[in-house]
Amino acid sequence: MFESLASGTIVVTALPIALIAVFFAVRALSSQRQVRATRAWPTVDGRVLSSGVEARRSRSGSGHSTSFYPAVVYEYVVNGQRYMNNVVNPGQPIGIGFRGMVEKKVARYPVGNAVPVYYNPQNPGESVLETSATGANRVMWFIVAFIVLMLICTLVFTVGMMSVVDKMISPFG
């Protein structure tokens, strides 16, 4: 009976942590695939229509925080069709807590400047200005590694506790 309780405890403890790790790993892999795909996209000349920094405030348990995002709108023409987009890097955008870092990135895209635009030949409305991953992808892999480490520690602790309890019970059974 104790063995089934122990294995049930391990599953209940480890499963949610493993699912969170899988969620972040899938997102990171998807982002990596997207980055690789954009590197093969053709380019056209585009033009920056607006350029700035977008601040988004969020509320957390400990108060408010502000994250900054590049807000660059550009236009380009593919096969006579005009498109507008605002995606700078492929993958999931992630806010940065330091406005200066985002301002530095946005400074590369002054209004009116010509820019190379990488576009998806299957769907020309999908485009990016840069084909490199943002820090978001590295952050997601860091989160996956951290969660896996937590999972290992949880399993070691749970299995260790089960053996301690087993030793305590064995003289009586």
N, C-alpha and C. Protein backbone atom coordinates (compact mmCIF):
# COMPACT_ATOMS: atom_id res chain seq x y z
N MET A 1 0.83 -1.19 0.00
CA MET A 1 0.00 0.00 0.00
C MET A 1 0.87 1.25 0.00
N PHE A 2 1.93 1.23 0.79
CA PHE A 2 2.79 2.41 0.89
C PHE A 2 3.46 2.73 -0.44
N GLU A 3 3.82 1.68 -1.23
CA GLU A 3 4.48 1.90 -2.51
C GLU A 3 3.57 2.65 -3.47
N SER A 4 2.27 2.30 -3.49
CA SER A 4 1.35 3.00 -4.40
C SER A 4 1.14 4.44 -3.94
N LEU A 5 1.11 4.66 -2.64
CA LEU A 5 1.01 6.03 -2.12
C LEU A 5 2.25 6.82 -2.51
N ALA A 6 3.41 6.20 -2.38
CA ALA A 6 4.67 6.87 -2.72
C ALA A 6 4.72 7.23 -4.20
N SER A 7 4.37 6.27 -5.07
CA SER A 7 4.41 6.57 -6.50
C SER A 7 3.36 7.61 -6.87
N GLY A 8 2.21 7.57 -6.22
CA GLY A 8 1.18 8.60 -6.46
C GLY A 8 1.65 9.98 -6.05
N THR A 9 2.35 10.05 -4.93
CA THR A 9 2.90 11.32 -4.46
C THR A 9 3.93 11.86 -5.44
N ILE A 10 4.76 10.98 -5.95
CA ILE A 10 5.78 11.40 -6.91
C ILE A 10 5.12 11.94 -8.18
N VAL A 11 4.10 11.24 -8.68
CA VAL A 11 3.41 11.70 -9.89
C VAL A 11 2.73 13.04 -9.65
N VAL A 12 2.01 13.16 -8.54
CA VAL A 12 1.31 14.42 -8.24
C VAL A 12 2.29 15.56 -8.07
N THR A 13 3.45 15.28 -7.52
CA THR A 13 4.46 16.32 -7.31
C THR A 13 5.17 16.68 -8.60
N ALA A 14 5.56 15.68 -9.37
CA ALA A 14 6.41 15.92 -10.55
C ALA A 14 5.64 16.31 -11.80
N LEU A 15 4.43 15.80 -11.97
CA LEU A 15 3.70 16.03 -13.22
C LEU A 15 3.47 17.51 -13.53
N PRO A 16 2.96 18.31 -12.60
CA PRO A 16 2.75 19.73 -12.94
C PRO A 16 4.06 20.44 -13.32
N ILE A 17 5.13 20.12 -12.62
CA ILE A 17 6.42 20.75 -12.93
C ILE A 17 6.89 20.32 -14.31
N ALA A 18 6.74 19.04 -14.64
CA ALA A 18 7.14 18.54 -15.96
C ALA A 18 6.30 19.18 -17.07
N LEU A 19 5.01 19.36 -16.83
CA LEU A 19 4.14 19.98 -17.84
C LEU A 19 4.54 21.43 -18.10
N ILE A 20 4.91 22.15 -17.06
CA ILE A 20 5.37 23.54 -17.24
C ILE A 20 6.65 23.56 -18.06
N ALA A 21 7.56 22.64 -17.78
CA ALA A 21 8.82 22.57 -18.55
C ALA A 21 8.53 22.26 -20.01
N VAL A 22 7.62 21.34 -20.27
CA VAL A 22 7.26 20.99 -21.65
C VAL A 22 6.65 22.20 -22.35
N PHE A 23 5.78 22.94 -21.67
CA PHE A 23 5.16 24.13 -22.25
C PHE A 23 6.22 25.12 -22.72
N PHE A 24 7.17 25.44 -21.85
CA PHE A 24 8.22 26.40 -22.21
C PHE A 24 9.15 25.84 -23.29
N ALA A 25 9.43 24.55 -23.25
CA ALA A 25 10.29 23.94 -24.28
C ALA A 25 9.62 24.01 -25.65
N VAL A 26 8.32 23.74 -25.71
CA VAL A 26 7.59 23.82 -26.98
C VAL A 26 7.61 25.25 -27.51
N ARG A 27 7.40 26.23 -26.64
CA ARG A 27 7.44 27.64 -27.08
C ARG A 27 8.83 28.02 -27.58
N ALA A 28 9.87 27.58 -26.89
CA ALA A 28 11.24 27.91 -27.29
C ALA A 28 11.58 27.24 -28.62
N LEU A 29 11.17 25.99 -28.80
CA LEU A 29 11.42 25.29 -30.07
C LEU A 29 10.68 25.95 -31.22
N SER A 30 9.45 26.35 -30.98
CA SER A 30 8.66 27.04 -32.00
C SER A 30 9.33 28.35 -32.41
N SER A 31 9.81 29.08 -31.43
CA SER A 31 10.51 30.34 -31.70
C SER A 31 11.79 30.09 -32.49
N GLN A 32 12.53 29.05 -32.14
CA GLN A 32 13.76 28.72 -32.87
C GLN A 32 13.46 28.36 -34.32
N ARG A 33 12.40 27.59 -34.53
CA ARG A 33 12.01 27.22 -35.90
C ARG A 33 11.67 28.47 -36.71
N GLN A 34 10.97 29.39 -36.07
CA GLN A 34 10.59 30.63 -36.74
C GLN A 34 11.83 31.45 -37.11
N VAL A 35 12.80 31.52 -36.21
CA VAL A 35 14.04 32.25 -36.48
C VAL A 35 14.75 31.62 -37.68
N ARG A 36 14.87 30.30 -37.69
CA ARG A 36 15.54 29.61 -38.79
C ARG A 36 14.83 29.87 -40.12
N ALA A 37 13.51 29.84 -40.10
CA ALA A 37 12.74 30.05 -41.33
C ALA A 37 12.97 31.45 -41.90
N THR A 38 13.01 32.47 -41.04
CA THR A 38 13.15 33.84 -41.54
C THR A 38 14.49 34.06 -42.22
N ARG A 39 15.49 33.29 -41.84
CA ARG A 39 16.82 33.46 -42.45
C ARG A 39 16.83 33.07 -43.93
N ALA A 40 15.86 32.27 -44.35
CA ALA A 40 15.77 31.86 -45.75
C ALA A 40 14.80 32.74 -46.56
N TRP A 41 14.13 33.67 -45.90
CA TRP A 41 13.16 34.52 -46.59
C TRP A 41 13.87 35.52 -47.50
N PRO A 42 13.24 35.86 -48.63
CA PRO A 42 13.81 36.91 -49.49
C PRO A 42 13.63 38.28 -48.84
N THR A 43 14.34 39.27 -49.36
CA THR A 43 14.22 40.63 -48.83
C THR A 43 13.75 41.58 -49.92
N VAL A 44 13.09 42.63 -49.46
CA VAL A 44 12.73 43.76 -50.32
C VAL A 44 13.07 45.02 -49.54
N ASP A 45 13.14 46.13 -50.24
CA ASP A 45 13.35 47.40 -49.56
C ASP A 45 12.05 47.86 -48.94
N GLY A 46 12.13 48.33 -47.72
CA GLY A 46 10.97 48.88 -47.04
C GLY A 46 11.30 50.26 -46.52
N ARG A 47 10.31 50.87 -45.87
CA ARG A 47 10.52 52.21 -45.33
C ARG A 47 9.87 52.28 -43.96
N VAL A 48 10.59 52.88 -43.01
CA VAL A 48 10.08 53.02 -41.64
C VAL A 48 9.06 54.15 -41.60
N LEU A 49 7.86 53.84 -41.11
CA LEU A 49 6.78 54.83 -41.00
C LEU A 49 6.75 55.47 -39.62
N SER A 50 7.00 54.69 -38.60
CA SER A 50 7.05 55.24 -37.24
C SER A 50 8.01 54.39 -36.42
N SER A 51 8.59 55.03 -35.42
CA SER A 51 9.60 54.35 -34.62
C SER A 51 9.58 54.93 -33.22
N GLY A 52 9.47 54.07 -32.24
CA GLY A 52 9.45 54.53 -30.86
C GLY A 52 9.50 53.37 -29.89
N VAL A 53 9.26 53.69 -28.64
CA VAL A 53 9.28 52.69 -27.58
C VAL A 53 7.89 52.64 -26.97
N GLU A 54 7.36 51.43 -26.83
CA GLU A 54 6.06 51.24 -26.20
C GLU A 54 6.27 50.75 -24.78
N ALA A 55 5.65 51.43 -23.83
CA ALA A 55 5.73 51.03 -22.42
C ALA A 55 4.42 50.33 -22.04
N ARG A 56 4.54 49.18 -21.43
CA ARG A 56 3.35 48.45 -20.95
C ARG A 56 3.51 48.21 -19.45
N ARG A 57 2.53 48.70 -18.71
CA ARG A 57 2.54 48.49 -17.26
C ARG A 57 1.76 47.23 -16.93
N SER A 58 2.28 46.48 -15.98
CA SER A 58 1.57 45.29 -15.53
C SER A 58 1.57 45.27 -14.01
N ARG A 59 0.57 44.62 -13.49
CA ARG A 59 0.43 44.54 -12.04
C ARG A 59 0.80 43.13 -11.60
N SER A 60 1.61 43.06 -10.57
CA SER A 60 1.98 41.76 -10.01
C SER A 60 1.69 41.79 -8.52
N GLY A 61 1.95 40.69 -7.85
CA GLY A 61 1.68 40.62 -6.42
C GLY A 61 2.45 41.65 -5.62
N SER A 62 3.62 42.04 -6.12
CA SER A 62 4.45 42.98 -5.36
C SER A 62 4.31 44.43 -5.84
N GLY A 63 3.38 44.69 -6.73
CA GLY A 63 3.20 46.06 -7.20
C GLY A 63 3.10 46.13 -8.71
N HIS A 64 3.60 47.23 -9.26
CA HIS A 64 3.55 47.46 -10.71
C HIS A 64 4.94 47.34 -11.30
N SER A 65 4.97 46.94 -12.56
CA SER A 65 6.24 46.95 -13.29
C SER A 65 5.97 47.45 -14.70
N THR A 66 6.99 47.98 -15.32
CA THR A 66 6.86 48.48 -16.68
C THR A 66 7.86 47.74 -17.56
N SER A 67 7.36 47.25 -18.68
CA SER A 67 8.21 46.60 -19.68
C SER A 67 8.17 47.45 -20.94
N PHE A 68 9.29 47.48 -21.65
CA PHE A 68 9.41 48.30 -22.85
C PHE A 68 9.58 47.41 -24.07
N TYR A 69 8.92 47.80 -25.16
CA TYR A 69 8.94 47.05 -26.41
C TYR A 69 9.27 47.99 -27.56
N PRO A 70 9.99 47.50 -28.58
CA PRO A 70 10.19 48.34 -29.75
C PRO A 70 8.86 48.49 -30.50
N ALA A 71 8.56 49.70 -30.92
CA ALA A 71 7.34 49.98 -31.68
C ALA A 71 7.75 50.59 -33.01
N VAL A 72 8.08 49.73 -33.96
CA VAL A 72 8.54 50.16 -35.27
C VAL A 72 7.52 49.68 -36.31
N VAL A 73 6.96 50.63 -37.04
CA VAL A 73 6.03 50.28 -38.12
C VAL A 73 6.72 50.58 -39.44
N TYR A 74 6.65 49.64 -40.35
CA TYR A 74 7.31 49.80 -41.64
C TYR A 74 6.38 49.31 -42.75
N GLU A 75 6.68 49.78 -43.97
CA GLU A 75 5.91 49.33 -45.13
C GLU A 75 6.87 48.77 -46.17
N TYR A 76 6.33 47.93 -47.03
CA TYR A 76 7.13 47.32 -48.09
C TYR A 76 6.17 46.84 -49.18
N VAL A 77 6.70 46.59 -50.36
CA VAL A 77 5.89 46.17 -51.50
C VAL A 77 6.43 44.85 -52.03
N VAL A 78 5.52 43.88 -52.20
CA VAL A 78 5.86 42.58 -52.79
C VAL A 78 4.87 42.32 -53.92
N ASN A 79 5.38 42.11 -55.12
CA ASN A 79 4.54 41.84 -56.30
C ASN A 79 3.45 42.90 -56.48
N GLY A 80 3.82 44.15 -56.29
CA GLY A 80 2.88 45.25 -56.49
C GLY A 80 1.91 45.48 -55.35
N GLN A 81 1.93 44.64 -54.35
CA GLN A 81 1.02 44.77 -53.20
C GLN A 81 1.76 45.41 -52.03
N ARG A 82 1.17 46.46 -51.45
CA ARG A 82 1.78 47.17 -50.33
C ARG A 82 1.37 46.50 -49.02
N TYR A 83 2.36 46.33 -48.13
CA TYR A 83 2.13 45.72 -46.82
C TYR A 83 2.69 46.63 -45.73
N MET A 84 2.09 46.54 -44.55
CA MET A 84 2.61 47.22 -43.36
C MET A 84 2.75 46.17 -42.26
N ASN A 85 3.79 46.34 -41.44
CA ASN A 85 3.97 45.41 -40.32
C ASN A 85 4.73 46.12 -39.21
N ASN A 86 4.78 45.48 -38.05
CA ASN A 86 5.50 46.06 -36.91
C ASN A 86 6.38 45.04 -36.19
N VAL A 87 6.66 43.91 -36.83
CA VAL A 87 7.46 42.86 -36.20
C VAL A 87 8.93 43.12 -36.52
N VAL A 88 9.74 43.29 -35.47
CA VAL A 88 11.16 43.54 -35.66
C VAL A 88 11.91 42.21 -35.72
N ASN A 89 11.76 41.38 -34.69
CA ASN A 89 12.43 40.08 -34.62
C ASN A 89 11.41 38.95 -34.68
N PRO A 90 11.81 37.80 -35.22
CA PRO A 90 10.90 36.65 -35.18
C PRO A 90 10.77 36.12 -33.76
N GLY A 91 9.73 35.35 -33.55
CA GLY A 91 9.54 34.75 -32.23
C GLY A 91 8.65 35.59 -31.34
N GLN A 92 8.53 35.14 -30.14
CA GLN A 92 7.68 35.77 -29.15
C GLN A 92 8.31 37.05 -28.62
N PRO A 93 7.62 38.20 -28.75
CA PRO A 93 8.21 39.42 -28.19
C PRO A 93 8.22 39.37 -26.67
N ILE A 94 9.26 39.87 -26.08
CA ILE A 94 9.34 39.92 -24.63
C ILE A 94 9.75 41.33 -24.23
N GLY A 95 9.08 41.85 -23.23
CA GLY A 95 9.39 43.19 -22.77
C GLY A 95 10.71 43.23 -22.02
N ILE A 96 11.34 44.37 -22.10
CA ILE A 96 12.61 44.58 -21.41
C ILE A 96 12.37 45.65 -20.35
N GLY A 97 12.94 45.46 -19.19
CA GLY A 97 12.73 46.40 -18.09
C GLY A 97 13.57 47.66 -18.18
N PHE A 98 14.47 47.72 -19.15
CA PHE A 98 15.35 48.88 -19.29
C PHE A 98 15.03 49.62 -20.58
N ARG A 99 14.45 50.79 -20.44
CA ARG A 99 14.04 51.58 -21.61
C ARG A 99 15.22 51.85 -22.54
N GLY A 100 16.40 52.13 -21.97
CA GLY A 100 17.57 52.46 -22.77
C GLY A 100 17.95 51.38 -23.76
N MET A 101 17.80 50.11 -23.37
CA MET A 101 18.12 49.01 -24.27
C MET A 101 17.20 49.01 -25.49
N VAL A 102 15.92 49.27 -25.25
CA VAL A 102 14.95 49.29 -26.35
C VAL A 102 15.17 50.53 -27.21
N GLU A 103 15.48 51.67 -26.58
CA GLU A 103 15.76 52.88 -27.35
C GLU A 103 16.95 52.68 -28.28
N LYS A 104 17.95 51.96 -27.81
CA LYS A 104 19.13 51.67 -28.63
C LYS A 104 18.75 50.85 -29.86
N LYS A 105 17.89 49.86 -29.67
CA LYS A 105 17.44 49.03 -30.80
C LYS A 105 16.61 49.86 -31.77
N VAL A 106 15.69 50.66 -31.25
CA VAL A 106 14.80 51.46 -32.08
C VAL A 106 15.57 52.55 -32.84
N ALA A 107 16.68 53.01 -32.28
CA ALA A 107 17.48 54.05 -32.94
C ALA A 107 18.01 53.59 -34.29
N ARG A 108 18.07 52.29 -34.51
CA ARG A 108 18.52 51.78 -35.81
C ARG A 108 17.45 51.94 -36.89
N TYR A 109 16.25 52.36 -36.49
CA TYR A 109 15.14 52.47 -37.42
C TYR A 109 14.49 53.85 -37.38
N PRO A 110 15.21 54.90 -37.80
CA PRO A 110 14.61 56.23 -37.80
C PRO A 110 13.49 56.33 -38.85
N VAL A 111 12.50 57.15 -38.56
CA VAL A 111 11.37 57.35 -39.47
C VAL A 111 11.89 57.84 -40.83
N GLY A 112 11.36 57.24 -41.88
CA GLY A 112 11.72 57.63 -43.25
C GLY A 112 12.88 56.84 -43.83
N ASN A 113 13.63 56.15 -43.00
CA ASN A 113 14.79 55.39 -43.50
C ASN A 113 14.36 54.15 -44.29
N ALA A 114 15.18 53.83 -45.28
CA ALA A 114 14.99 52.58 -46.01
C ALA A 114 15.55 51.43 -45.17
N VAL A 115 14.83 50.32 -45.15
CA VAL A 115 15.28 49.15 -44.38
C VAL A 115 15.05 47.89 -45.21
N PRO A 116 15.93 46.90 -45.07
CA PRO A 116 15.64 45.62 -45.71
C PRO A 116 14.56 44.89 -44.90
N VAL A 117 13.57 44.38 -45.59
CA VAL A 117 12.47 43.66 -44.95
C VAL A 117 12.52 42.21 -45.43
N TYR A 118 12.60 41.29 -44.49
CA TYR A 118 12.55 39.86 -44.79
C TYR A 118 11.08 39.45 -44.76
N TYR A 119 10.59 38.87 -45.86
CA TYR A 119 9.17 38.51 -45.90
C TYR A 119 9.00 37.04 -46.26
N ASN A 120 7.91 36.48 -45.78
CA ASN A 120 7.58 35.09 -46.04
C ASN A 120 7.04 34.98 -47.47
N PRO A 121 7.70 34.25 -48.35
CA PRO A 121 7.22 34.17 -49.73
C PRO A 121 5.86 33.49 -49.86
N GLN A 122 5.50 32.65 -48.89
CA GLN A 122 4.19 31.99 -48.90
C GLN A 122 3.09 32.91 -48.40
N ASN A 123 3.48 33.89 -47.57
CA ASN A 123 2.53 34.84 -46.99
C ASN A 123 3.25 36.17 -46.84
N PRO A 124 3.30 36.99 -47.90
CA PRO A 124 4.10 38.22 -47.88
C PRO A 124 3.72 39.22 -46.78
N GLY A 125 2.55 39.08 -46.19
CA GLY A 125 2.17 39.96 -45.09
C GLY A 125 2.94 39.67 -43.81
N GLU A 126 3.60 38.53 -43.77
CA GLU A 126 4.41 38.14 -42.61
C GLU A 126 5.85 38.56 -42.89
N SER A 127 6.39 39.40 -42.01
CA SER A 127 7.74 39.93 -42.26
C SER A 127 8.44 40.27 -40.96
N VAL A 128 9.75 40.46 -41.07
CA VAL A 128 10.58 40.90 -39.94
C VAL A 128 11.67 41.82 -40.48
N LEU A 129 12.22 42.62 -39.58
CA LEU A 129 13.35 43.47 -39.95
C LEU A 129 14.68 42.80 -39.64
N GLU A 130 14.69 41.92 -38.66
CA GLU A 130 15.91 41.22 -38.25
C GLU A 130 15.62 39.73 -38.20
N THR A 131 16.63 38.93 -38.53
CA THR A 131 16.42 37.47 -38.54
C THR A 131 17.08 36.79 -37.35
N SER A 132 17.46 37.56 -36.36
CA SER A 132 18.06 36.97 -35.16
C SER A 132 17.00 36.85 -34.07
N ALA A 133 17.22 35.90 -33.18
CA ALA A 133 16.30 35.70 -32.06
C ALA A 133 16.47 36.84 -31.06
N THR A 134 15.40 37.13 -30.38
CA THR A 134 15.48 38.10 -29.29
C THR A 134 15.96 37.37 -28.04
N GLY A 135 16.15 38.10 -26.99
CA GLY A 135 16.52 37.48 -25.73
C GLY A 135 15.43 36.57 -25.19
N ALA A 136 14.21 36.71 -25.71
CA ALA A 136 13.10 35.90 -25.22
C ALA A 136 13.38 34.41 -25.38
N ASN A 137 13.99 34.04 -26.49
CA ASN A 137 14.26 32.62 -26.71
C ASN A 137 15.27 32.10 -25.69
N ARG A 138 16.30 32.88 -25.42
CA ARG A 138 17.28 32.46 -24.41
C ARG A 138 16.64 32.40 -23.04
N VAL A 139 15.75 33.34 -22.75
CA VAL A 139 15.05 33.35 -21.46
C VAL A 139 14.20 32.09 -21.32
N MET A 140 13.50 31.72 -22.41
CA MET A 140 12.66 30.51 -22.34
C MET A 140 13.50 29.26 -22.08
N TRP A 141 14.67 29.15 -22.72
CA TRP A 141 15.53 27.98 -22.47
C TRP A 141 16.07 28.00 -21.05
N PHE A 142 16.36 29.19 -20.53
CA PHE A 142 16.80 29.30 -19.14
C PHE A 142 15.69 28.82 -18.20
N ILE A 143 14.45 29.22 -18.49
CA ILE A 143 13.31 28.80 -17.68
C ILE A 143 13.16 27.28 -17.73
N VAL A 144 13.30 26.70 -18.93
CA VAL A 144 13.20 25.23 -19.06
C VAL A 144 14.27 24.56 -18.20
N ALA A 145 15.50 25.04 -18.30
CA ALA A 145 16.60 24.45 -17.52
C ALA A 145 16.33 24.58 -16.02
N PHE A 146 15.84 25.73 -15.59
CA PHE A 146 15.54 25.96 -14.18
C PHE A 146 14.43 25.01 -13.71
N ILE A 147 13.39 24.86 -14.52
CA ILE A 147 12.27 24.00 -14.13
C ILE A 147 12.72 22.54 -14.08
N VAL A 148 13.54 22.12 -15.03
CA VAL A 148 14.05 20.74 -15.01
C VAL A 148 14.89 20.52 -13.75
N LEU A 149 15.69 21.50 -13.39
CA LEU A 149 16.48 21.40 -12.15
C LEU A 149 15.55 21.29 -10.94
N MET A 150 14.48 22.10 -10.92
CA MET A 150 13.49 22.01 -9.84
C MET A 150 12.85 20.63 -9.80
N LEU A 151 12.54 20.10 -10.98
CA LEU A 151 11.93 18.78 -11.07
C LEU A 151 12.85 17.71 -10.50
N ILE A 152 14.11 17.77 -10.86
CA ILE A 152 15.09 16.80 -10.34
C ILE A 152 15.19 16.92 -8.82
N CYS A 153 15.28 18.14 -8.32
CA CYS A 153 15.37 18.34 -6.86
C CYS A 153 14.11 17.83 -6.17
N THR A 154 12.95 18.10 -6.77
CA THR A 154 11.69 17.63 -6.19
C THR A 154 11.65 16.11 -6.14
N LEU A 155 12.06 15.48 -7.23
CA LEU A 155 12.05 14.01 -7.26
C LEU A 155 13.03 13.43 -6.25
N VAL A 156 14.23 14.00 -6.19
CA VAL A 156 15.22 13.51 -5.22
C VAL A 156 14.68 13.67 -3.80
N PHE A 157 14.11 14.83 -3.51
CA PHE A 157 13.57 15.09 -2.18
C PHE A 157 12.41 14.13 -1.88
N THR A 158 11.49 13.99 -2.83
CA THR A 158 10.31 13.13 -2.61
C THR A 158 10.72 11.68 -2.42
N VAL A 159 11.58 11.18 -3.30
CA VAL A 159 12.04 9.79 -3.18
C VAL A 159 12.81 9.61 -1.88
N GLY A 160 13.64 10.58 -1.53
CA GLY A 160 14.39 10.52 -0.27
C GLY A 160 13.47 10.48 0.93
N MET A 161 12.44 11.32 0.91
CA MET A 161 11.49 11.33 2.02
C MET A 161 10.73 10.01 2.10
N MET A 162 10.39 9.44 0.95
CA MET A 162 9.68 8.17 0.94
C MET A 162 10.54 7.07 1.55
N SER A 163 11.85 7.07 1.26
CA SER A 163 12.71 6.03 1.83
C SER A 163 12.87 6.23 3.33
N VAL A 164 12.89 7.48 3.79
CA VAL A 164 12.96 7.75 5.23
C VAL A 164 11.70 7.24 5.91
N VAL A 165 10.54 7.55 5.32
CA VAL A 165 9.27 7.10 5.90
C VAL A 165 9.20 5.57 5.86
N ASP A 166 9.67 4.98 4.77
CA ASP A 166 9.67 3.52 4.65
C ASP A 166 10.51 2.88 5.76
N LYS A 167 11.68 3.47 6.04
CA LYS A 167 12.54 2.95 7.11
C LYS A 167 11.88 3.11 8.47
N MET A 168 11.12 4.20 8.63
CA MET A 168 10.44 4.42 9.91
C MET A 168 9.31 3.41 10.10
N ILE A 169 8.65 3.04 9.00
CA ILE A 169 7.50 2.14 9.08
C ILE A 169 7.93 0.68 9.12
N SER A 170 9.04 0.32 8.47
CA SER A 170 9.44 -1.08 8.33
C SER A 170 9.57 -1.84 9.66
N PRO A 171 10.02 -1.25 10.75
CA PRO A 171 10.07 -2.03 12.00
C PRO A 171 8.69 -2.46 12.49
N PHE A 172 7.64 -1.74 12.03
CA PHE A 172 6.29 -2.05 12.51
C PHE A 172 5.54 -2.99 11.57
N GLY A 173 6.10 -3.24 10.39
CA GLY A 173 5.32 -3.99 9.42
C GLY A 173 5.92 -5.23 9.00
